[in-house]
Protein backbone atom coordinates (compact mmCIF):
# COMPACT_ATOMS: atom_id res chain seq x y z
CA MET A 1 126.07 -103.14 -15.37
CA ALA A 2 129.59 -103.85 -16.70
CA LEU A 3 129.63 -107.25 -14.89
CA GLU A 4 126.22 -108.08 -16.36
CA GLN A 5 127.41 -107.20 -19.85
CA SER A 6 130.60 -109.28 -19.41
CA LEU A 7 128.61 -112.25 -18.31
CA ASN A 8 126.18 -111.95 -21.13
CA ARG A 9 129.08 -111.88 -23.63
CA ALA A 10 130.47 -115.12 -22.12
CA TRP A 11 127.03 -116.80 -21.64
CA TYR A 12 125.86 -116.02 -25.18
CA GLY A 13 129.30 -116.42 -26.87
CA LYS A 14 132.27 -118.42 -25.73
CA PRO A 15 132.56 -119.18 -21.99
CA LYS A 16 136.39 -118.69 -21.99
CA GLY A 17 137.52 -117.99 -18.38
CA LEU A 18 134.18 -119.20 -16.97
CA LEU A 19 135.22 -122.77 -17.79
CA LEU A 20 137.27 -122.64 -14.60
CA LEU A 21 133.91 -122.76 -12.90
CA LEU A 22 132.90 -126.11 -14.44
CA PRO A 23 133.05 -127.87 -11.03
CA VAL A 24 130.52 -125.33 -9.76
CA GLU A 25 128.30 -125.93 -12.76
CA TYR A 26 128.38 -129.65 -12.15
CA LEU A 27 127.33 -129.14 -8.53
CA TYR A 28 124.49 -126.75 -9.70
CA ARG A 29 123.22 -129.34 -12.16
CA LEU A 30 123.29 -132.01 -9.46
CA VAL A 31 121.29 -129.90 -7.06
CA ALA A 32 118.82 -128.87 -9.70
CA GLY A 33 118.28 -132.56 -10.64
CA LEU A 34 117.81 -133.53 -6.99
CA ARG A 35 115.29 -130.78 -6.43
CA ARG A 36 113.25 -131.92 -9.41
CA ARG A 37 113.45 -135.54 -8.24
CA PHE A 38 112.49 -135.09 -4.63
CA ILE A 39 110.20 -132.13 -4.39
CA ARG A 40 106.61 -133.46 -4.35
CA PRO A 41 104.30 -131.39 -6.50
CA GLN A 42 101.04 -130.30 -4.89
CA GLY A 43 97.76 -129.35 -6.59
CA CYS A 44 96.16 -125.94 -5.97
CA GLY A 45 92.53 -126.98 -6.69
CA ALA A 46 92.53 -125.95 -10.33
CA PRO A 47 94.47 -126.85 -13.51
CA VAL A 48 97.75 -125.04 -14.01
CA ILE A 49 99.54 -123.73 -17.06
CA VAL A 50 103.18 -122.84 -16.33
CA VAL A 51 105.00 -120.37 -18.61
CA GLY A 52 108.70 -120.05 -18.22
CA ASN A 53 112.19 -120.55 -19.54
CA ILE A 54 115.30 -122.52 -18.79
CA SER A 55 117.68 -119.64 -19.05
CA VAL A 56 118.11 -116.53 -16.87
CA GLY A 57 117.14 -113.02 -18.13
CA GLY A 58 114.32 -112.01 -20.41
CA SER A 59 112.90 -114.23 -23.08
CA GLY A 60 109.50 -112.74 -23.55
CA LYS A 61 107.55 -114.55 -20.87
CA THR A 62 105.29 -111.62 -19.93
CA PRO A 63 103.75 -111.25 -23.49
CA VAL A 64 103.18 -114.97 -23.60
CA VAL A 65 101.50 -115.05 -20.16
CA LEU A 66 99.16 -112.19 -21.25
CA ALA A 67 98.39 -113.80 -24.57
CA VAL A 68 97.60 -117.18 -23.10
CA ALA A 69 95.56 -115.61 -20.28
CA GLN A 70 93.50 -113.58 -22.84
CA TYR A 71 92.85 -116.51 -24.98
CA CYS A 72 91.74 -118.75 -22.04
CA GLN A 73 89.55 -115.95 -20.74
CA SER A 74 87.93 -115.65 -24.10
CA ARG A 75 87.00 -119.37 -23.90
CA GLY A 76 85.14 -118.87 -20.70
CA TYR A 77 87.71 -119.75 -18.07
CA LYS A 78 88.00 -117.74 -14.82
CA VAL A 79 91.81 -117.19 -15.18
CA GLY A 80 94.11 -116.19 -12.34
CA ILE A 81 97.88 -115.45 -12.66
CA VAL A 82 100.55 -116.20 -10.04
CA SER A 83 104.07 -114.85 -10.04
CA ARG A 84 107.04 -114.78 -7.65
CA GLY A 85 106.86 -110.96 -7.43
CA TYR A 86 110.58 -110.56 -8.10
CA GLY A 87 111.88 -107.22 -6.91
CA GLY A 88 108.68 -106.38 -4.97
CA ARG A 89 108.30 -105.96 -1.24
CA ALA A 90 104.69 -106.85 -0.46
CA PRO A 91 103.29 -106.29 3.02
CA VAL A 92 102.22 -109.98 3.18
CA TYR A 93 102.54 -113.12 1.14
CA PRO A 94 100.69 -114.33 -0.72
CA TYR A 95 99.77 -110.87 -1.87
CA LEU A 96 96.67 -110.26 -3.99
CA LEU A 97 97.06 -107.18 -6.18
CA SER A 98 94.42 -104.49 -6.11
CA ALA A 99 93.85 -101.03 -7.55
CA GLU A 100 95.95 -99.59 -4.69
CA SER A 101 98.90 -101.88 -5.37
CA THR A 102 102.22 -100.41 -6.60
CA PRO A 103 105.16 -101.82 -8.56
CA VAL A 104 107.24 -101.50 -5.33
CA GLU A 105 104.96 -103.85 -3.56
CA ALA A 106 104.15 -106.27 -6.42
CA GLY A 107 107.22 -106.21 -8.61
CA ASP A 108 107.35 -104.56 -12.01
CA GLU A 109 106.29 -107.50 -14.16
CA PRO A 110 103.31 -108.64 -12.01
CA TYR A 111 102.16 -105.04 -11.79
CA LEU A 112 102.34 -104.68 -15.54
CA MET A 113 100.37 -107.97 -16.11
CA TYR A 114 97.69 -106.92 -13.61
CA GLN A 115 97.34 -103.54 -15.22
CA ARG A 116 97.15 -104.91 -18.75
CA SER A 117 94.96 -107.99 -18.11
CA GLY A 118 92.69 -106.89 -15.20
CA LEU A 119 92.70 -110.47 -14.06
CA PRO A 120 93.14 -111.69 -10.39
CA LEU A 121 96.84 -111.85 -9.77
CA ALA A 122 98.76 -112.97 -6.64
CA VAL A 123 102.46 -112.91 -5.91
CA ALA A 124 104.44 -115.00 -3.49
CA PRO A 125 107.76 -116.74 -3.37
CA ASP A 126 105.68 -119.85 -2.78
CA ARG A 127 103.53 -119.95 -5.96
CA LEU A 128 101.48 -122.84 -4.61
CA ALA A 129 100.21 -120.52 -1.79
CA ALA A 130 99.40 -117.82 -4.32
CA ALA A 131 97.53 -120.26 -6.54
CA LYS A 132 95.54 -121.56 -3.63
CA LEU A 133 94.50 -118.04 -2.70
CA LEU A 134 93.24 -117.33 -6.24
CA VAL A 135 91.18 -120.56 -6.25
CA ALA A 136 89.77 -120.10 -2.71
CA GLU A 137 89.15 -116.34 -2.68
CA GLN A 138 88.62 -115.43 -6.41
CA GLY A 139 87.00 -118.62 -7.71
CA CYS A 140 89.61 -119.12 -10.38
CA ASP A 141 89.26 -122.32 -12.36
CA LEU A 142 92.47 -122.04 -14.35
CA ILE A 143 95.85 -120.77 -13.08
CA ILE A 144 98.68 -119.42 -15.10
CA SER A 145 102.05 -119.47 -13.43
CA ASP A 146 104.52 -116.83 -14.61
CA ASP A 147 108.14 -117.91 -14.77
CA GLY A 148 107.34 -121.12 -12.78
CA LEU A 149 109.07 -123.97 -14.65
CA GLN A 150 111.60 -124.49 -11.85
CA HIS A 151 108.96 -124.04 -9.02
CA TYR A 152 108.33 -127.76 -8.78
CA ARG A 153 106.16 -127.53 -5.61
CA LEU A 154 103.31 -126.32 -7.75
CA ALA A 155 101.84 -129.21 -9.78
CA ARG A 156 101.24 -128.37 -13.44
CA ASP A 157 99.13 -129.66 -16.20
CA ILE A 158 100.73 -127.87 -19.19
CA GLU A 159 104.20 -126.38 -19.57
CA ILE A 160 105.09 -123.62 -22.03
CA LEU A 161 108.69 -122.80 -22.72
CA VAL A 162 109.62 -119.33 -23.99
CA VAL A 163 112.94 -119.03 -25.85
CA ASP A 164 114.66 -115.91 -26.98
CA GLY A 165 115.07 -116.66 -30.73
CA GLU A 166 118.10 -114.38 -31.03
CA ARG A 167 120.09 -115.83 -28.16
CA GLY A 168 118.69 -119.29 -27.86
CA PHE A 169 120.27 -121.35 -25.10
CA GLY A 170 123.52 -119.38 -25.25
CA ASN A 171 126.69 -121.38 -24.82
CA GLY A 172 124.71 -124.42 -23.60
CA HIS A 173 126.07 -124.49 -20.06
CA CYS A 174 124.24 -124.16 -16.80
CA LEU A 175 124.99 -121.48 -14.29
CA PRO A 176 127.54 -120.14 -13.57
CA VAL A 177 129.40 -121.09 -16.74
CA GLY A 178 126.31 -120.41 -18.94
CA PRO A 179 122.84 -118.89 -18.70
CA LEU A 180 120.86 -122.12 -18.23
CA ARG A 181 118.82 -122.86 -15.08
CA GLU A 182 118.37 -126.47 -16.30
CA ALA A 183 120.10 -128.61 -18.95
CA VAL A 184 119.02 -128.12 -22.57
CA SER A 185 117.53 -131.62 -22.48
CA ARG A 186 114.75 -130.23 -20.22
CA ALA A 187 113.34 -128.41 -23.25
CA ALA A 188 112.46 -131.67 -25.01
CA GLU A 189 110.08 -132.61 -22.10
CA ILE A 190 108.00 -129.42 -22.23
CA ASP A 191 104.61 -129.45 -23.91
CA LEU A 192 104.76 -126.29 -25.99
CA LYS A 193 107.60 -124.05 -27.12
CA VAL A 194 107.26 -120.41 -28.13
CA ILE A 195 110.24 -118.81 -30.01
CA ASN A 196 110.41 -115.05 -29.50
CA GLY A 197 111.70 -113.51 -32.74
CA GLY A 198 115.07 -114.12 -34.33
CA ASN A 199 116.22 -117.02 -36.43
CA SER A 200 116.54 -119.70 -33.82
CA SER A 201 117.17 -123.28 -34.94
CA ILE A 202 115.00 -124.43 -32.07
CA SER A 203 111.68 -125.79 -33.22
CA GLY A 204 108.54 -124.19 -31.72
CA TYR A 205 105.76 -121.71 -32.46
CA THR A 206 106.97 -118.27 -33.48
CA MET A 207 106.07 -115.11 -31.68
CA ASP A 208 106.55 -111.55 -32.86
CA LEU A 209 106.32 -108.64 -30.47
CA GLN A 210 104.13 -105.89 -32.08
CA GLY A 211 104.56 -102.33 -30.71
CA LEU A 212 102.98 -99.95 -33.09
CA ALA A 213 102.00 -96.91 -30.99
CA ALA A 214 103.93 -95.16 -28.18
CA VAL A 215 101.98 -93.90 -25.16
CA ASN A 216 102.98 -90.73 -23.28
CA ILE A 217 103.60 -91.68 -19.63
CA ALA A 218 102.53 -88.32 -18.23
CA ASP A 219 99.26 -87.69 -20.14
CA GLY A 220 98.36 -90.91 -21.85
CA GLU A 221 98.58 -89.51 -25.39
CA GLN A 222 98.93 -92.30 -27.97
CA ARG A 223 101.11 -91.72 -30.99
CA PRO A 224 101.61 -94.32 -33.78
CA LEU A 225 105.33 -94.73 -34.61
CA ILE A 226 104.74 -94.14 -38.26
CA HIS A 227 103.34 -90.62 -37.34
CA TRP A 228 106.25 -89.77 -35.10
CA PRO A 229 107.50 -86.25 -36.17
CA SER A 230 110.54 -86.55 -38.44
CA ASN A 231 112.43 -83.83 -36.53
CA GLN A 232 112.07 -85.80 -33.29
CA ARG A 233 113.39 -89.17 -34.45
CA ARG A 234 116.59 -88.84 -32.35
CA VAL A 235 115.48 -90.35 -29.06
CA HIS A 236 116.86 -91.63 -25.74
CA ALA A 237 116.00 -95.32 -25.48
CA VAL A 238 115.76 -96.77 -22.03
CA ALA A 239 115.53 -100.41 -21.26
CA GLY A 240 116.01 -102.33 -17.98
CA ILE A 241 115.14 -105.77 -19.32
CA GLY A 242 116.92 -109.05 -19.93
CA ASN A 243 117.81 -108.25 -23.47
CA PRO A 244 117.83 -104.50 -23.97
CA GLN A 245 119.38 -104.77 -27.38
CA ARG A 246 116.03 -106.19 -28.72
CA PHE A 247 114.24 -103.07 -27.74
CA PHE A 248 116.92 -100.75 -29.16
CA ARG A 249 116.89 -102.65 -32.52
CA SER A 250 113.08 -102.45 -32.75
CA LEU A 251 113.20 -98.75 -32.49
CA GLN A 252 116.10 -98.58 -35.06
CA LEU A 253 114.01 -100.67 -37.42
CA ALA A 254 111.09 -98.25 -36.89
CA GLY A 255 113.32 -95.41 -38.15
CA PHE A 256 114.62 -93.86 -34.94
CA ASP A 257 118.13 -92.59 -34.27
CA VAL A 258 118.66 -94.30 -30.88
CA ILE A 259 120.81 -93.15 -28.03
CA GLU A 260 120.98 -96.34 -25.94
CA HIS A 261 120.60 -96.40 -22.14
CA ALA A 262 120.71 -99.98 -20.89
CA PHE A 263 119.97 -100.74 -17.21
CA PRO A 264 120.01 -103.94 -15.27
CA ASP A 265 116.87 -106.06 -15.37
CA HIS A 266 114.29 -104.90 -12.81
CA HIS A 267 116.24 -101.64 -12.26
CA PRO A 268 114.69 -99.38 -9.53
CA TYR A 269 114.49 -96.14 -11.41
CA THR A 270 114.85 -92.52 -10.10
CA ALA A 271 114.10 -89.27 -11.98
CA ALA A 272 117.80 -88.88 -12.64
CA ASP A 273 117.93 -92.08 -14.57
CA ILE A 274 115.59 -90.92 -17.28
CA ASN A 275 116.53 -87.22 -17.64
CA PHE A 276 119.37 -86.54 -19.94
CA ALA A 277 121.51 -83.60 -21.04
CA GLU A 278 120.59 -83.89 -24.62
CA PRO A 279 116.89 -82.68 -25.01
CA CYS A 280 115.41 -85.54 -27.03
CA PRO A 281 112.20 -87.58 -26.44
CA VAL A 282 112.73 -90.60 -24.15
CA LEU A 283 111.23 -93.93 -25.23
CA MET A 284 111.18 -96.84 -22.78
CA THR A 285 109.65 -100.33 -22.43
CA GLU A 286 106.28 -100.67 -20.62
CA LYS A 287 107.97 -102.63 -17.86
CA ASP A 288 110.29 -99.72 -17.16
CA ALA A 289 107.53 -97.15 -17.43
CA VAL A 290 105.45 -98.68 -14.53
CA LYS A 291 108.21 -97.60 -12.24
CA CYS A 292 108.62 -94.07 -13.69
CA ARG A 293 105.07 -92.74 -13.68
CA SER A 294 105.37 -90.62 -10.64
CA PHE A 295 108.24 -88.55 -11.92
CA ALA A 296 107.76 -88.82 -15.82
CA ASP A 297 106.96 -85.72 -17.84
CA LYS A 298 105.72 -85.10 -21.42
CA GLN A 299 109.11 -86.03 -22.88
CA HIS A 300 108.75 -89.60 -21.66
CA TRP A 301 106.95 -92.28 -23.67
CA MET A 302 106.53 -96.03 -23.37
CA LEU A 303 106.08 -98.64 -26.14
CA PRO A 304 103.57 -101.35 -25.09
CA VAL A 305 103.88 -104.62 -27.02
CA ASN A 306 101.66 -107.51 -27.70
CA GLY A 307 102.88 -111.07 -28.35
CA GLU A 308 101.50 -112.34 -31.71
CA ILE A 309 101.88 -116.08 -31.53
CA ALA A 310 101.41 -118.34 -34.53
CA PRO A 311 97.74 -119.56 -34.65
CA GLN A 312 98.80 -123.15 -34.69
CA PHE A 313 99.99 -122.59 -31.00
CA TYR A 314 96.34 -121.95 -29.93
CA SER A 315 95.14 -124.98 -31.70
CA GLU A 316 97.71 -127.22 -29.91
CA LEU A 317 96.85 -125.46 -26.56
CA THR A 318 93.17 -126.10 -27.02
CA SER A 319 93.87 -129.71 -27.73
CA ARG A 320 96.00 -130.00 -24.53
CA LEU A 321 93.36 -128.34 -22.47
CA ALA A 322 90.87 -130.85 -23.76
CA LYS A 323 93.14 -133.74 -22.72
CA ILE A 324 93.05 -132.49 -19.10
CA GLY A 325 89.26 -132.22 -19.17
CA LEU A 326 88.96 -128.50 -20.08
CA SER A 327 87.12 -128.40 -23.42
CA ARG A 328 85.00 -125.35 -24.04
């Protein structure tokens, strides 16, 4: 965790000693450019919307995927979602999630999206194979690819870039000197941009994450944050996401006295990780909670969030869907 924190300070501040790795960055950018130039995209049999980012770590892709999927479903499309399944160990690939699937098999984010949306969802390192499975076996007529901007083998019709409004593109360098998977210039080529909170100077459609009620992981009780008992406002806050400080600040703004517990992104939790000496309630993100259900008790709560994207975003998305022959 200390290494991750040090890298984040350099990536989202001044690179300092990492500038010694500039030759490695140049090689990385060369390889990334060659991949994009020479990989031939293939269609899956249905139009594809890709949601992703050009930086490593969390930017808010999952709420955007869910919001876009819900919107497209409401317009009558048979939507399917594909994801790499990072952190999961599925018995086969591509792997179609079912009621019997677990976060260990599917990965935490795909499992969360499947639970929240109820839509057909397949994971595979080869997103093209996952998309073809959804079209052939589930009859999907629109595919949304989670975190797929750099997966050029899957042809896409619309690209959506999600940017962390607080951290932006960091120091502007590509890996390993900075946090970027591709050069900043790539952002200018993308159809739609969603800015997740903050005061970013990057132009795009704003998104706010709304989490108004906590859910008890053990028994499902829902408790609006405004009704949280005043004598229980000191809480342990657990976050194993790309930008845990965003979660901690949201709780502080809601009036909580936060004891911070930051874990690496996609951390494989054990019971010991979420049980603390000081007997306070424990609040965590929904992404973390899906991996803690089997050993959580009534002290453990999660805070589901919804992505509230500016209405103009959906008008533009509708227009772009019409341009590719999907007007409903």
